[in-house]
PDB file of N, CA and C in Angstrom:
ATOM      1  N   UNK A   1       2.235  41.370-156.708  1.00  0.00           N
ATOM      2  CA  UNK A   1       3.669  41.556-156.611  1.00  0.00           C
ATOM      3  C   UNK A   1       4.320  40.848-157.804  1.00  0.00           C
ATOM      4  N   UNK A   2       5.223  41.520-158.442  1.00  0.00           N
ATOM      5  CA  UNK A   2       5.883  40.954-159.611  1.00  0.00           C
ATOM      6  C   UNK A   2       7.222  40.337-159.222  1.00  0.00           C
ATOM      7  N   UNK A   3       7.799  39.613-160.142  1.00  0.00           N
ATOM      8  CA  UNK A   3       9.103  39.002-159.880  1.00  0.00           C
ATOM      9  C   UNK A   3      10.151  40.074-159.600  1.00  0.00           C
ATOM     10  N   UNK A   4      10.026  41.212-160.265  1.00  0.00           N
ATOM     11  CA  UNK A   4      10.965  42.315-160.021  1.00  0.00           C
ATOM     12  C   UNK A   4      10.841  42.814-158.581  1.00  0.00           C
ATOM     13  N   UNK A   5       9.600  42.955-158.106  1.00  0.00           N
ATOM     14  CA  UNK A   5       9.370  43.375-156.723  1.00  0.00           C
ATOM     15  C   UNK A   5       9.951  42.361-155.736  1.00  0.00           C
ATOM     16  N   UNK A   6       9.719  41.079-156.028  1.00  0.00           N
ATOM     17  CA  UNK A   6      10.264  40.032-155.172  1.00  0.00           C
ATOM     18  C   UNK A   6      11.790  40.072-155.171  1.00  0.00           C
ATOM     19  N   UNK A   7      12.359  40.283-156.332  1.00  0.00           N
ATOM     20  CA  UNK A   7      13.813  40.367-156.437  1.00  0.00           C
ATOM     21  C   UNK A   7      14.373  41.520-155.634  1.00  0.00           C
ATOM     22  N   UNK A   8      13.716  42.665-155.691  1.00  0.00           N
ATOM     23  CA  UNK A   8      14.176  43.830-154.933  1.00  0.00           C
ATOM     24  C   UNK A   8      14.038  43.593-153.434  1.00  0.00           C
ATOM     25  N   UNK A   9      12.920  42.993-153.047  1.00  0.00           N
ATOM     26  CA  UNK A   9      12.715  42.697-151.620  1.00  0.00           C
ATOM     27  C   UNK A   9      13.770  41.708-151.127  1.00  0.00           C
ATOM     28  N   UNK A  10      14.104  40.732-151.967  1.00  0.00           N
ATOM     29  CA  UNK A  10      15.132  39.757-151.605  1.00  0.00           C
ATOM     30  C   UNK A  10      16.496  40.434-151.469  1.00  0.00           C
ATOM     31  N   UNK A  11      16.793  41.354-152.368  1.00  0.00           N
ATOM     32  CA  UNK A  11      18.061  42.096-152.263  1.00  0.00           C
ATOM     33  C   UNK A  11      18.108  42.920-150.985  1.00  0.00           C
ATOM     34  N   UNK A  12      17.020  43.600-150.682  1.00  0.00           N
ATOM     35  CA  UNK A  12      16.965  44.434-149.479  1.00  0.00           C
ATOM     36  C   UNK A  12      17.132  43.606-148.213  1.00  0.00           C
ATOM     37  N   UNK A  13      16.519  42.421-148.193  1.00  0.00           N
ATOM     38  CA  UNK A  13      16.577  41.547-147.017  1.00  0.00           C
ATOM     39  C   UNK A  13      17.801  40.644-147.025  1.00  0.00           C
ATOM     40  N   UNK A  14      18.521  40.629-148.164  1.00  0.00           N
ATOM     41  CA  UNK A  14      19.686  39.757-148.343  1.00  0.00           C
ATOM     42  C   UNK A  14      19.314  38.299-148.110  1.00  0.00           C
ATOM     43  N   UNK A  15      18.180  37.904-148.695  1.00  0.00           N
ATOM     44  CA  UNK A  15      17.674  36.535-148.614  1.00  0.00           C
ATOM     45  C   UNK A  15      17.252  36.095-150.005  1.00  0.00           C
ATOM     46  N   UNK A  16      17.212  34.786-150.243  1.00  0.00           N
ATOM     47  CA  UNK A  16      16.746  34.288-151.536  1.00  0.00           C
ATOM     48  C   UNK A  16      15.246  34.575-151.732  1.00  0.00           C
ATOM     49  N   UNK A  17      14.839  34.723-152.977  1.00  0.00           N
ATOM     50  CA  UNK A  17      13.428  34.956-153.298  1.00  0.00           C
ATOM     51  C   UNK A  17      12.574  33.836-152.721  1.00  0.00           C
ATOM     52  N   UNK A  18      13.085  32.618-152.754  1.00  0.00           N
ATOM     53  CA  UNK A  18      12.357  31.455-152.234  1.00  0.00           C
ATOM     54  C   UNK A  18      11.907  31.688-150.793  1.00  0.00           C
ATOM     55  N   UNK A  19      12.797  32.226-149.957  1.00  0.00           N
ATOM     56  CA  UNK A  19      12.452  32.472-148.556  1.00  0.00           C
ATOM     57  C   UNK A  19      11.375  33.548-148.440  1.00  0.00           C
ATOM     58  N   UNK A  20      11.449  34.572-149.257  1.00  0.00           N
ATOM     59  CA  UNK A  20      10.446  35.646-149.243  1.00  0.00           C
ATOM     60  C   UNK A  20       9.077  35.073-149.596  1.00  0.00           C
ATOM     61  N   UNK A  21       9.040  34.249-150.633  1.00  0.00           N
ATOM     62  CA  UNK A  21       7.774  33.659-151.093  1.00  0.00           C
ATOM     63  C   UNK A  21       7.207  32.714-150.040  1.00  0.00           C
ATOM     64  N   UNK A  22       8.049  31.855-149.461  1.00  0.00           N
ATOM     65  CA  UNK A  22       7.558  30.916-148.459  1.00  0.00           C
ATOM     66  C   UNK A  22       7.034  31.639-147.218  1.00  0.00           C
ATOM     67  N   UNK A  23       7.690  32.703-146.807  1.00  0.00           N
ATOM     68  CA  UNK A  23       7.186  33.478-145.667  1.00  0.00           C
ATOM     69  C   UNK A  23       5.845  34.129-145.994  1.00  0.00           C
ATOM     70  N   UNK A  24       5.708  34.612-147.211  1.00  0.00           N
ATOM     71  CA  UNK A  24       4.445  35.226-147.627  1.00  0.00           C
ATOM     72  C   UNK A  24       3.330  34.188-147.647  1.00  0.00           C
ATOM     73  N   UNK A  25       3.623  32.997-148.149  1.00  0.00           N
ATOM     74  CA  UNK A  25       2.627  31.934-148.153  1.00  0.00           C
ATOM     75  C   UNK A  25       2.217  31.559-146.731  1.00  0.00           C
ATOM     76  N   UNK A  26       3.193  31.489-145.846  1.00  0.00           N
ATOM     77  CA  UNK A  26       2.905  31.165-144.453  1.00  0.00           C
ATOM     78  C   UNK A  26       2.028  32.247-143.819  1.00  0.00           C
ATOM     79  N   UNK A  27       2.319  33.501-144.101  1.00  0.00           N
ATOM     80  CA  UNK A  27       1.519  34.602-143.571  1.00  0.00           C
ATOM     81  C   UNK A  27       0.096  34.568-144.127  1.00  0.00           C
ATOM     82  N   UNK A  28      -0.063  34.036-145.305  1.00  0.00           N
ATOM     83  CA  UNK A  28      -1.377  33.927-145.951  1.00  0.00           C
ATOM     84  C   UNK A  28      -2.187  32.761-145.393  1.00  0.00           C
ATOM     85  N   UNK A  29      -1.525  31.874-144.633  1.00  0.00           N
ATOM     86  CA  UNK A  29      -2.228  30.771-144.017  1.00  0.00           C
ATOM     87  C   UNK A  29      -1.905  29.410-144.583  1.00  0.00           C
ATOM     88  N   UNK A  30      -0.980  29.354-145.527  1.00  0.00           N
ATOM     89  CA  UNK A  30      -0.563  28.072-146.103  1.00  0.00           C
ATOM     90  C   UNK A  30       0.394  27.400-145.121  1.00  0.00           C
ATOM     91  N   UNK A  31       0.196  26.108-144.886  1.00  0.00           N
ATOM     92  CA  UNK A  31       1.054  25.369-143.972  1.00  0.00           C
ATOM     93  C   UNK A  31       2.423  25.151-144.622  1.00  0.00           C
ATOM     94  N   UNK A  32       3.437  25.823-144.088  1.00  0.00           N
ATOM     95  CA  UNK A  32       4.805  25.705-144.596  1.00  0.00           C
ATOM     96  C   UNK A  32       5.677  25.213-143.441  1.00  0.00           C
ATOM     97  N   UNK A  33       6.331  24.057-143.585  1.00  0.00           N
ATOM     98  CA  UNK A  33       7.189  23.561-142.508  1.00  0.00           C
ATOM     99  C   UNK A  33       8.323  24.539-142.220  1.00  0.00           C
ATOM    100  N   UNK A  34       8.651  24.739-140.946  1.00  0.00           N
ATOM    101  CA  UNK A  34       9.715  25.695-140.585  1.00  0.00           C
ATOM    102  C   UNK A  34      11.049  25.400-141.263  1.00  0.00           C
ATOM    103  N   UNK A  35      11.358  24.104-141.446  1.00  0.00           N
ATOM    104  CA  UNK A  35      12.648  23.776-142.073  1.00  0.00           C
ATOM    105  C   UNK A  35      12.679  24.141-143.553  1.00  0.00           C
ATOM    106  N   UNK A  36      11.510  24.360-144.155  1.00  0.00           N
ATOM    107  CA  UNK A  36      11.453  24.758-145.560  1.00  0.00           C
ATOM    108  C   UNK A  36      11.858  26.219-145.726  1.00  0.00           C
ATOM    109  N   UNK A  37      11.653  27.001-144.668  1.00  0.00           N
ATOM    110  CA  UNK A  37      11.998  28.422-144.730  1.00  0.00           C
ATOM    111  C   UNK A  37      13.396  28.592-144.152  1.00  0.00           C
ATOM    112  N   UNK A  38      14.373  28.246-144.953  1.00  0.00           N
ATOM    113  CA  UNK A  38      15.760  28.397-144.554  1.00  0.00           C
ATOM    114  C   UNK A  38      16.593  28.700-145.785  1.00  0.00           C
ATOM    115  N   UNK A  39      17.724  29.282-145.553  1.00  0.00           N
ATOM    116  CA  UNK A  39      18.631  29.617-146.650  1.00  0.00           C
ATOM    117  C   UNK A  39      19.424  28.378-147.001  1.00  0.00           C
ATOM    118  N   UNK A  40      19.182  27.824-148.194  1.00  0.00           N
ATOM    119  CA  UNK A  40      19.865  26.599-148.600  1.00  0.00           C
ATOM    120  C   UNK A  40      21.230  26.849-149.238  1.00  0.00           C
ATOM    121  N   UNK A  41      21.581  28.123-149.384  1.00  0.00           N
ATOM    122  CA  UNK A  41      22.886  28.433-149.981  1.00  0.00           C
ATOM    123  C   UNK A  41      23.997  28.064-149.000  1.00  0.00           C
ATOM    124  N   UNK A  42      25.074  27.557-149.538  1.00  0.00           N
ATOM    125  CA  UNK A  42      26.212  27.194-148.696  1.00  0.00           C
ATOM    126  C   UNK A  42      26.963  28.469-148.306  1.00  0.00           C
ATOM    127  N   UNK A  43      27.341  28.527-147.074  1.00  0.00           N
ATOM    128  CA  UNK A  43      28.129  29.665-146.586  1.00  0.00           C
ATOM    129  C   UNK A  43      29.462  29.175-146.084  1.00  0.00           C
ATOM    130  N   UNK A  44      30.499  29.944-146.373  1.00  0.00           N
ATOM    131  CA  UNK A  44      31.843  29.570-145.919  1.00  0.00           C
ATOM    132  C   UNK A  44      32.201  30.293-144.658  1.00  0.00           C
TER     133      UNK A  44
END
């Protein structure tokens, strides 16, 4: 998967690329703390 693919997937899901990558790592079996998979952007 390329950065362009990740970017498109992030746009489709309306989530940051970081969240997409962390979820993929977790699905692959890497231990990712649940609090790490969150949207850190501020929302008003």
